[in-house]
Amino acid sequence: METARADIRQAVLTAFCTALHDTRLPPLTLLELAAQAVGSVYREVADAHSGDQPCPCGWRPRLAADLEALQAALALSAAPVPQPDLARMAVVGRA
């Protein structure tokens, strides 16, 4: 899973940087376009897993729950990582 995450991240980052350079659009505009692309990919995959002859993998789209999961993943990944505050850390030993 980590390899897939890294590969997808690198592909998105490369596309983002290329678009940023080529279009000179603001970064947030390009990120919105990336979100729209993810949404359209979700829709295509969901459509392929619905209907009379769904994909045999067994996944069934659930729009509300799936969107909630995607939003949570975006929020978690976009949130800043708290940096440790040395002044508040407990002293464990002596150096």
PDB file of N, CA and C in Angstrom:
ATOM      1  N   MET A   1       0.822  -1.189   0.000  1.00  0.00           N
ATOM      2  CA  MET A   1       0.000   0.000   0.000  1.00  0.00           C
ATOM      3  C   MET A   1       0.872   1.262   0.000  1.00  0.00           C
ATOM      4  N   GLU A   2       1.991   1.225   0.719  1.00  0.00           N
ATOM      5  CA  GLU A   2       2.865   2.392   0.763  1.00  0.00           C
ATOM      6  C   GLU A   2       3.454   2.710  -0.606  1.00  0.00           C
ATOM      7  N   THR A   3       3.779   1.677  -1.375  1.00  0.00           N
ATOM      8  CA  THR A   3       4.323   1.905  -2.709  1.00  0.00           C
ATOM      9  C   THR A   3       3.269   2.552  -3.603  1.00  0.00           C
ATOM     10  N   ALA A   4       2.043   2.069  -3.526  1.00  0.00           N
ATOM     11  CA  ALA A   4       0.964   2.657  -4.321  1.00  0.00           C
ATOM     12  C   ALA A   4       0.733   4.106  -3.918  1.00  0.00           C
ATOM     13  N   ARG A   5       0.742   4.387  -2.614  1.00  0.00           N
ATOM     14  CA  ARG A   5       0.558   5.756  -2.121  1.00  0.00           C
ATOM     15  C   ARG A   5       1.664   6.665  -2.659  1.00  0.00           C
ATOM     16  N   ALA A   6       2.896   6.205  -2.593  1.00  0.00           N
ATOM     17  CA  ALA A   6       4.027   7.009  -3.071  1.00  0.00           C
ATOM     18  C   ALA A   6       3.955   7.220  -4.584  1.00  0.00           C
ATOM     19  N   ASP A   7       3.581   6.183  -5.320  1.00  0.00           N
ATOM     20  CA  ASP A   7       3.472   6.298  -6.783  1.00  0.00           C
ATOM     21  C   ASP A   7       2.385   7.291  -7.183  1.00  0.00           C
ATOM     22  N   ILE A   8       1.226   7.195  -6.539  1.00  0.00           N
ATOM     23  CA  ILE A   8       0.117   8.104  -6.854  1.00  0.00           C
ATOM     24  C   ILE A   8       0.488   9.528  -6.459  1.00  0.00           C
ATOM     25  N   ARG A   9       1.085   9.702  -5.288  1.00  0.00           N
ATOM     26  CA  ARG A   9       1.493  11.032  -4.854  1.00  0.00           C
ATOM     27  C   ARG A   9       2.471  11.648  -5.842  1.00  0.00           C
ATOM     28  N   GLN A  10       3.446  10.853  -6.297  1.00  0.00           N
ATOM     29  CA  GLN A  10       4.437  11.366  -7.235  1.00  0.00           C
ATOM     30  C   GLN A  10       3.786  11.752  -8.562  1.00  0.00           C
ATOM     31  N   ALA A  11       2.841  10.949  -9.035  1.00  0.00           N
ATOM     32  CA  ALA A  11       2.138  11.267 -10.287  1.00  0.00           C
ATOM     33  C   ALA A  11       1.341  12.562 -10.157  1.00  0.00           C
ATOM     34  N   VAL A  12       0.656  12.732  -9.036  1.00  0.00           N
ATOM     35  CA  VAL A  12      -0.125  13.955  -8.804  1.00  0.00           C
ATOM     36  C   VAL A  12       0.805  15.155  -8.685  1.00  0.00           C
ATOM     37  N   LEU A  13       1.890  15.010  -7.938  1.00  0.00           N
ATOM     38  CA  LEU A  13       2.840  16.107  -7.766  1.00  0.00           C
ATOM     39  C   LEU A  13       3.462  16.512  -9.099  1.00  0.00           C
ATOM     40  N   THR A  14       3.821  15.542  -9.913  1.00  0.00           N
ATOM     41  CA  THR A  14       4.393  15.838 -11.227  1.00  0.00           C
ATOM     42  C   THR A  14       3.391  16.580 -12.097  1.00  0.00           C
ATOM     43  N   ALA A  15       2.153  16.098 -12.130  1.00  0.00           N
ATOM     44  CA  ALA A  15       1.109  16.771 -12.920  1.00  0.00           C
ATOM     45  C   ALA A  15       0.859  18.177 -12.393  1.00  0.00           C
ATOM     46  N   PHE A  16       0.831  18.330 -11.077  1.00  0.00           N
ATOM     47  CA  PHE A  16       0.616  19.637 -10.463  1.00  0.00           C
ATOM     48  C   PHE A  16       1.729  20.609 -10.850  1.00  0.00           C
ATOM     49  N   CYS A  17       2.970  20.192 -10.696  1.00  0.00           N
ATOM     50  CA  CYS A  17       4.102  21.070 -10.998  1.00  0.00           C
ATOM     51  C   CYS A  17       4.133  21.439 -12.479  1.00  0.00           C
ATOM     52  N   THR A  18       3.845  20.484 -13.347  1.00  0.00           N
ATOM     53  CA  THR A  18       3.796  20.755 -14.778  1.00  0.00           C
ATOM     54  C   THR A  18       2.709  21.774 -15.094  1.00  0.00           C
ATOM     55  N   ALA A  19       1.515  21.576 -14.529  1.00  0.00           N
ATOM     56  CA  ALA A  19       0.411  22.509 -14.765  1.00  0.00           C
ATOM     57  C   ALA A  19       0.721  23.883 -14.183  1.00  0.00           C
ATOM     58  N   LEU A  20       1.346  23.919 -13.025  1.00  0.00           N
ATOM     59  CA  LEU A  20       1.707  25.189 -12.401  1.00  0.00           C
ATOM     60  C   LEU A  20       2.665  25.965 -13.314  1.00  0.00           C
ATOM     61  N   HIS A  21       3.635  25.271 -13.839  1.00  0.00           N
ATOM     62  CA  HIS A  21       4.611  25.901 -14.726  1.00  0.00           C
ATOM     63  C   HIS A  21       3.981  26.324 -16.048  1.00  0.00           C
ATOM     64  N   ASP A  22       3.172  25.445 -16.641  1.00  0.00           N
ATOM     65  CA  ASP A  22       2.621  25.696 -17.973  1.00  0.00           C
ATOM     66  C   ASP A  22       1.479  26.711 -17.990  1.00  0.00           C
ATOM     67  N   THR A  23       0.671  26.733 -16.930  1.00  0.00           N
ATOM     68  CA  THR A  23      -0.535  27.574 -16.948  1.00  0.00           C
ATOM     69  C   THR A  23      -0.411  28.848 -16.151  1.00  0.00           C
ATOM     70  N   ARG A  24       0.482  28.839 -15.155  1.00  0.00           N
ATOM     71  CA  ARG A  24       0.619  29.971 -14.240  1.00  0.00           C
ATOM     72  C   ARG A  24      -0.670  30.232 -13.447  1.00  0.00           C
ATOM     73  N   LEU A  25      -1.533  29.222 -13.350  1.00  0.00           N
ATOM     74  CA  LEU A  25      -2.735  29.340 -12.525  1.00  0.00           C
ATOM     75  C   LEU A  25      -2.326  29.305 -11.059  1.00  0.00           C
ATOM     76  N   PRO A  26      -3.147  29.893 -10.180  1.00  0.00           N
ATOM     77  CA  PRO A  26      -2.835  29.837  -8.745  1.00  0.00           C
ATOM     78  C   PRO A  26      -2.840  28.390  -8.239  1.00  0.00           C
ATOM     79  N   PRO A  27      -1.984  28.081  -7.278  1.00  0.00           N
ATOM     80  CA  PRO A  27      -1.916  26.722  -6.746  1.00  0.00           C
ATOM     81  C   PRO A  27      -3.270  26.170  -6.284  1.00  0.00           C
ATOM     82  N   LEU A  28      -4.070  26.987  -5.602  1.00  0.00           N
ATOM     83  CA  LEU A  28      -5.347  26.477  -5.113  1.00  0.00           C
ATOM     84  C   LEU A  28      -6.276  26.113  -6.266  1.00  0.00           C
ATOM     85  N   THR A  29      -6.239  26.871  -7.343  1.00  0.00           N
ATOM     86  CA  THR A  29      -7.050  26.540  -8.518  1.00  0.00           C
ATOM     87  C   THR A  29      -6.647  25.172  -9.061  1.00  0.00           C
ATOM     88  N   LEU A  30      -5.351  24.923  -9.144  1.00  0.00           N
ATOM     89  CA  LEU A  30      -4.882  23.623  -9.635  1.00  0.00           C
ATOM     90  C   LEU A  30      -5.243  22.498  -8.673  1.00  0.00           C
ATOM     91  N   LEU A  31      -5.194  22.769  -7.372  1.00  0.00           N
ATOM     92  CA  LEU A  31      -5.599  21.745  -6.407  1.00  0.00           C
ATOM     93  C   LEU A  31      -7.087  21.444  -6.524  1.00  0.00           C
ATOM     94  N   GLU A  32      -7.896  22.463  -6.799  1.00  0.00           N
ATOM     95  CA  GLU A  32      -9.331  22.235  -7.032  1.00  0.00           C
ATOM     96  C   GLU A  32      -9.527  21.379  -8.274  1.00  0.00           C
ATOM     97  N   LEU A  33      -8.751  21.629  -9.317  1.00  0.00           N
ATOM     98  CA  LEU A  33      -8.832  20.801 -10.524  1.00  0.00           C
ATOM     99  C   LEU A  33      -8.418  19.364 -10.226  1.00  0.00           C
ATOM    100  N   ALA A  34      -7.410  19.192  -9.371  1.00  0.00           N
ATOM    101  CA  ALA A  34      -6.987  17.845  -8.973  1.00  0.00           C
ATOM    102  C   ALA A  34      -8.101  17.137  -8.211  1.00  0.00           C
ATOM    103  N   ALA A  35      -8.784  17.872  -7.332  1.00  0.00           N
ATOM    104  CA  ALA A  35      -9.909  17.289  -6.584  1.00  0.00           C
ATOM    105  C   ALA A  35     -11.036  16.888  -7.542  1.00  0.00           C
ATOM    106  N   GLN A  36     -11.283  17.723  -8.543  1.00  0.00           N
ATOM    107  CA  GLN A  36     -12.302  17.378  -9.542  1.00  0.00           C
ATOM    108  C   GLN A  36     -11.901  16.125 -10.311  1.00  0.00           C
ATOM    109  N   ALA A  37     -10.616  15.993 -10.611  1.00  0.00           N
ATOM    110  CA  ALA A  37     -10.134  14.806 -11.313  1.00  0.00           C
ATOM    111  C   ALA A  37     -10.343  13.555 -10.455  1.00  0.00           C
ATOM    112  N   VAL A  38     -10.036  13.650  -9.160  1.00  0.00           N
ATOM    113  CA  VAL A  38     -10.251  12.508  -8.262  1.00  0.00           C
ATOM    114  C   VAL A  38     -11.739  12.164  -8.207  1.00  0.00           C
ATOM    115  N   GLY A  39     -12.585  13.182  -8.131  1.00  0.00           N
ATOM    116  CA  GLY A  39     -14.030  12.943  -8.133  1.00  0.00           C
ATOM    117  C   GLY A  39     -14.503  12.257  -9.398  1.00  0.00           C
ATOM    118  N   SER A  40     -13.973  12.657 -10.548  1.00  0.00           N
ATOM    119  CA  SER A  40     -14.402  12.031 -11.798  1.00  0.00           C
ATOM    120  C   SER A  40     -13.883  10.596 -11.911  1.00  0.00           C
ATOM    121  N   VAL A  41     -12.683  10.352 -11.379  1.00  0.00           N
ATOM    122  CA  VAL A  41     -12.169   8.973 -11.359  1.00  0.00           C
ATOM    123  C   VAL A  41     -13.051   8.116 -10.454  1.00  0.00           C
ATOM    124  N   TYR A  42     -13.430   8.655  -9.290  1.00  0.00           N
ATOM    125  CA  TYR A  42     -14.333   7.924  -8.397  1.00  0.00           C
ATOM    126  C   TYR A  42     -15.624   7.561  -9.142  1.00  0.00           C
ATOM    127  N   ARG A  43     -16.198   8.538  -9.838  1.00  0.00           N
ATOM    128  CA  ARG A  43     -17.466   8.304 -10.541  1.00  0.00           C
ATOM    129  C   ARG A  43     -17.320   7.193 -11.579  1.00  0.00           C
ATOM    130  N   GLU A  44     -16.231   7.207 -12.349  1.00  0.00           N
ATOM    131  CA  GLU A  44     -16.003   6.172 -13.361  1.00  0.00           C
ATOM    132  C   GLU A  44     -15.850   4.794 -12.722  1.00  0.00           C
ATOM    133  N   VAL A  45     -15.077   4.736 -11.643  1.00  0.00           N
ATOM    134  CA  VAL A  45     -14.865   3.461 -10.952  1.00  0.00           C
ATOM    135  C   VAL A  45     -16.171   2.988 -10.322  1.00  0.00           C
ATOM    136  N   ALA A  46     -16.907   3.907  -9.714  1.00  0.00           N
ATOM    137  CA  ALA A  46     -18.196   3.543  -9.105  1.00  0.00           C
ATOM    138  C   ALA A  46     -19.162   3.028 -10.166  1.00  0.00           C
ATOM    139  N   ASP A  47     -19.202   3.687 -11.311  1.00  0.00           N
ATOM    140  CA  ASP A  47     -20.080   3.233 -12.389  1.00  0.00           C
ATOM    141  C   ASP A  47     -19.706   1.841 -12.872  1.00  0.00           C
ATOM    142  N   ALA A  48     -18.406   1.546 -12.921  1.00  0.00           N
ATOM    143  CA  ALA A  48     -17.940   0.233 -13.356  1.00  0.00           C
ATOM    144  C   ALA A  48     -18.271  -0.855 -12.333  1.00  0.00           C
ATOM    145  N   HIS A  49     -18.555  -0.459 -11.106  1.00  0.00           N
ATOM    146  CA  HIS A  49     -18.858  -1.415 -10.043  1.00  0.00           C
ATOM    147  C   HIS A  49     -20.344  -1.426  -9.688  1.00  0.00           C
ATOM    148  N   SER A  50     -21.159  -0.881 -10.559  1.00  0.00           N
ATOM    149  CA  SER A  50     -22.605  -0.821 -10.334  1.00  0.00           C
ATOM    150  C   SER A  50     -23.325  -1.465 -11.507  1.00  0.00           C
ATOM    151  N   GLY A  51     -24.608  -1.565 -11.380  1.00  0.00           N
ATOM    152  CA  GLY A  51     -25.412  -2.062 -12.494  1.00  0.00           C
ATOM    153  C   GLY A  51     -25.642  -3.549 -12.460  1.00  0.00           C
ATOM    154  N   ASP A  52     -26.095  -4.058 -13.591  1.00  0.00           N
ATOM    155  CA  ASP A  52     -26.476  -5.473 -13.695  1.00  0.00           C
ATOM    156  C   ASP A  52     -25.281  -6.418 -13.653  1.00  0.00           C
ATOM    157  N   GLN A  53     -24.151  -5.978 -14.177  1.00  0.00           N
ATOM    158  CA  GLN A  53     -22.969  -6.836 -14.193  1.00  0.00           C
ATOM    159  C   GLN A  53     -21.787  -6.085 -13.574  1.00  0.00           C
ATOM    160  N   PRO A  54     -21.817  -5.913 -12.239  1.00  0.00           N
ATOM    161  CA  PRO A  54     -20.731  -5.178 -11.591  1.00  0.00           C
ATOM    162  C   PRO A  54     -19.423  -5.961 -11.633  1.00  0.00           C
ATOM    163  N   CYS A  55     -18.349  -5.275 -11.365  1.00  0.00           N
ATOM    164  CA  CYS A  55     -17.015  -5.884 -11.314  1.00  0.00           C
ATOM    165  C   CYS A  55     -17.017  -7.031 -10.299  1.00  0.00           C
ATOM    166  N   PRO A  56     -16.354  -8.130 -10.615  1.00  0.00           N
ATOM    167  CA  PRO A  56     -16.344  -9.277  -9.692  1.00  0.00           C
ATOM    168  C   PRO A  56     -15.485  -9.084  -8.447  1.00  0.00           C
ATOM    169  N   CYS A  57     -14.817  -7.933  -8.278  1.00  0.00           N
ATOM    170  CA  CYS A  57     -13.951  -7.757  -7.106  1.00  0.00           C
ATOM    171  C   CYS A  57     -14.745  -7.678  -5.807  1.00  0.00           C
ATOM    172  N   GLY A  58     -16.037  -7.336  -5.908  1.00  0.00           N
ATOM    173  CA  GLY A  58     -16.878  -7.304  -4.716  1.00  0.00           C
ATOM    174  C   GLY A  58     -17.099  -5.923  -4.114  1.00  0.00           C
ATOM    175  N   TRP A  59     -16.334  -4.915  -4.541  1.00  0.00           N
ATOM    176  CA  TRP A  59     -16.535  -3.569  -4.001  1.00  0.00           C
ATOM    177  C   TRP A  59     -17.828  -3.002  -4.535  1.00  0.00           C
ATOM    178  N   ARG A  60     -18.593  -2.387  -3.654  1.00  0.00           N
ATOM    179  CA  ARG A  60     -19.847  -1.740  -4.046  1.00  0.00           C
ATOM    180  C   ARG A  60     -19.777  -0.285  -3.590  1.00  0.00           C
ATOM    181  N   PRO A  61     -19.950   0.649  -4.515  1.00  0.00           N
ATOM    182  CA  PRO A  61     -19.891   2.055  -4.129  1.00  0.00           C
ATOM    183  C   PRO A  61     -21.036   2.448  -3.206  1.00  0.00           C
ATOM    184  N   ARG A  62     -20.706   3.273  -2.221  1.00  0.00           N
ATOM    185  CA  ARG A  62     -21.686   3.875  -1.310  1.00  0.00           C
ATOM    186  C   ARG A  62     -21.339   5.354  -1.260  1.00  0.00           C
ATOM    187  N   LEU A  63     -21.994   6.149  -2.091  1.00  0.00           N
ATOM    188  CA  LEU A  63     -21.607   7.533  -2.327  1.00  0.00           C
ATOM    189  C   LEU A  63     -21.361   8.315  -1.044  1.00  0.00           C
ATOM    190  N   ALA A  64     -22.308   8.344  -0.134  1.00  0.00           N
ATOM    191  CA  ALA A  64     -22.163   9.158   1.076  1.00  0.00           C
ATOM    192  C   ALA A  64     -20.960   8.702   1.909  1.00  0.00           C
ATOM    193  N   ALA A  65     -20.847   7.416   2.153  1.00  0.00           N
ATOM    194  CA  ALA A  65     -19.736   6.897   2.964  1.00  0.00           C
ATOM    195  C   ALA A  65     -18.405   7.061   2.235  1.00  0.00           C
ATOM    196  N   ASP A  66     -18.411   6.862   0.929  1.00  0.00           N
ATOM    197  CA  ASP A  66     -17.175   6.995   0.158  1.00  0.00           C
ATOM    198  C   ASP A  66     -16.701   8.443   0.140  1.00  0.00           C
ATOM    199  N   LEU A  67     -17.626   9.384  -0.044  1.00  0.00           N
ATOM    200  CA  LEU A  67     -17.246  10.799  -0.021  1.00  0.00           C
ATOM    201  C   LEU A  67     -16.727  11.201   1.352  1.00  0.00           C
ATOM    202  N   GLU A  68     -17.339  10.671   2.389  1.00  0.00           N
ATOM    203  CA  GLU A  68     -16.873  10.962   3.747  1.00  0.00           C
ATOM    204  C   GLU A  68     -15.445  10.447   3.944  1.00  0.00           C
ATOM    205  N   ALA A  69     -15.170   9.253   3.441  1.00  0.00           N
ATOM    206  CA  ALA A  69     -13.826   8.689   3.552  1.00  0.00           C
ATOM    207  C   ALA A  69     -12.816   9.508   2.750  1.00  0.00           C
ATOM    208  N   LEU A  70     -13.192   9.939   1.554  1.00  0.00           N
ATOM    209  CA  LEU A  70     -12.296  10.753   0.736  1.00  0.00           C
ATOM    210  C   LEU A  70     -12.028  12.107   1.392  1.00  0.00           C
ATOM    211  N   GLN A  71     -13.071  12.718   1.941  1.00  0.00           N
ATOM    212  CA  GLN A  71     -12.905  14.008   2.623  1.00  0.00           C
ATOM    213  C   GLN A  71     -12.019  13.861   3.852  1.00  0.00           C
ATOM    214  N   ALA A  72     -12.205  12.788   4.598  1.00  0.00           N
ATOM    215  CA  ALA A  72     -11.388  12.561   5.795  1.00  0.00           C
ATOM    216  C   ALA A  72      -9.921  12.358   5.413  1.00  0.00           C
ATOM    217  N   ALA A  73      -9.675  11.604   4.342  1.00  0.00           N
ATOM    218  CA  ALA A  73      -8.301  11.377   3.890  1.00  0.00           C
ATOM    219  C   ALA A  73      -7.655  12.692   3.459  1.00  0.00           C
ATOM    220  N   LEU A  74      -8.395  13.525   2.758  1.00  0.00           N
ATOM    221  CA  LEU A  74      -7.879  14.824   2.332  1.00  0.00           C
ATOM    222  C   LEU A  74      -7.567  15.702   3.547  1.00  0.00           C
ATOM    223  N   ALA A  75      -8.493  15.766   4.488  1.00  0.00           N
ATOM    224  CA  ALA A  75      -8.298  16.602   5.676  1.00  0.00           C
ATOM    225  C   ALA A  75      -7.100  16.116   6.496  1.00  0.00           C
ATOM    226  N   LEU A  76      -6.977  14.818   6.648  1.00  0.00           N
ATOM    227  CA  LEU A  76      -5.874  14.266   7.439  1.00  0.00           C
ATOM    228  C   LEU A  76      -4.531  14.541   6.772  1.00  0.00           C
ATOM    229  N   SER A  77      -4.483  14.389   5.466  1.00  0.00           N
ATOM    230  CA  SER A  77      -3.231  14.596   4.737  1.00  0.00           C
ATOM    231  C   SER A  77      -2.853  16.065   4.636  1.00  0.00           C
ATOM    232  N   ALA A  78      -3.834  16.946   4.608  1.00  0.00           N
ATOM    233  CA  ALA A  78      -3.566  18.374   4.429  1.00  0.00           C
ATOM    234  C   ALA A  78      -3.256  19.089   5.748  1.00  0.00           C
ATOM    235  N   ALA A  79      -3.653  18.496   6.863  1.00  0.00           N
ATOM    236  CA  ALA A  79      -3.434  19.145   8.158  1.00  0.00           C
ATOM    237  C   ALA A  79      -1.950  19.192   8.487  1.00  0.00           C
ATOM    238  N   PRO A  80      -1.497  20.289   9.073  1.00  0.00           N
ATOM    239  CA  PRO A  80      -0.077  20.366   9.456  1.00  0.00           C
ATOM    240  C   PRO A  80       0.242  19.345  10.542  1.00  0.00           C
ATOM    241  N   VAL A  81       1.439  18.830  10.468  1.00  0.00           N
ATOM    242  CA  VAL A  81       1.902  17.869  11.472  1.00  0.00           C
ATOM    243  C   VAL A  81       2.454  18.669  12.649  1.00  0.00           C
ATOM    244  N   PRO A  82       1.891  18.450  13.849  1.00  0.00           N
ATOM    245  CA  PRO A  82       2.391  19.205  14.996  1.00  0.00           C
ATOM    246  C   PRO A  82       3.863  18.876  15.271  1.00  0.00           C
ATOM    247  N   GLN A  83       4.632  19.911  15.522  1.00  0.00           N
ATOM    248  CA  GLN A  83       6.050  19.736  15.834  1.00  0.00           C
ATOM    249  C   GLN A  83       6.207  19.639  17.346  1.00  0.00           C
ATOM    250  N   PRO A  84       7.079  18.764  17.808  1.00  0.00           N
ATOM    251  CA  PRO A  84       7.268  18.642  19.253  1.00  0.00           C
ATOM    252  C   PRO A  84       7.823  19.935  19.843  1.00  0.00           C
ATOM    253  N   ASP A  85       7.335  20.268  21.007  1.00  0.00           N
ATOM    254  CA  ASP A  85       7.788  21.458  21.721  1.00  0.00           C
ATOM    255  C   ASP A  85       8.714  20.992  22.840  1.00  0.00           C
ATOM    256  N   LEU A  86       9.984  21.236  22.670  1.00  0.00           N
ATOM    257  CA  LEU A  86      10.963  20.767  23.663  1.00  0.00           C
ATOM    258  C   LEU A  86      10.702  21.324  25.051  1.00  0.00           C
ATOM    259  N   ALA A  87      10.140  22.514  25.135  1.00  0.00           N
ATOM    260  CA  ALA A  87       9.878  23.121  26.440  1.00  0.00           C
ATOM    261  C   ALA A  87       8.801  22.362  27.209  1.00  0.00           C
ATOM    262  N   ARG A  88       7.946  21.642  26.516  1.00  0.00           N
ATOM    263  CA  ARG A  88       6.852  20.914  27.179  1.00  0.00           C
ATOM    264  C   ARG A  88       7.084  19.426  27.297  1.00  0.00           C
ATOM    265  N   MET A  89       8.210  18.957  26.781  1.00  0.00           N
ATOM    266  CA  MET A  89       8.487  17.518  26.842  1.00  0.00           C
ATOM    267  C   MET A  89       8.976  17.135  28.222  1.00  0.00           C
ATOM    268  N   ALA A  90       8.570  15.951  28.654  1.00  0.00           N
ATOM    269  CA  ALA A  90       9.027  15.440  29.935  1.00  0.00           C
ATOM    270  C   ALA A  90      10.502  15.035  29.841  1.00  0.00           C
ATOM    271  N   VAL A  91      11.240  15.338  30.871  1.00  0.00           N
ATOM    272  CA  VAL A  91      12.646  14.956  30.909  1.00  0.00           C
ATOM    273  C   VAL A  91      12.700  13.462  31.217  1.00  0.00           C
ATOM    274  N   VAL A  92      13.409  12.721  30.382  1.00  0.00           N
ATOM    275  CA  VAL A  92      13.461  11.278  30.530  1.00  0.00           C
ATOM    276  C   VAL A  92      14.772  10.824  31.162  1.00  0.00           C
ATOM    277  N   GLY A  93      15.785  11.566  30.970  1.00  0.00           N
ATOM    278  CA  GLY A  93      17.096  11.180  31.504  1.00  0.00           C
ATOM    279  C   GLY A  93      18.051  12.347  31.466  1.00  0.00           C
ATOM    280  N   ARG A  94      19.321  12.033  31.545  1.00  0.00           N
ATOM    281  CA  ARG A  94      20.338  13.077  31.499  1.00  0.00           C
ATOM    282  C   ARG A  94      21.341  12.735  30.429  1.00  0.00           C
ATOM    283  N   ALA A  95      21.856  13.781  29.817  1.00  0.00           N
ATOM    284  CA  ALA A  95      22.877  13.556  28.786  1.00  0.00           C
ATOM    285  C   ALA A  95      24.219  13.969  29.303  1.00  0.00           C
TER     286      ALA A  95
END
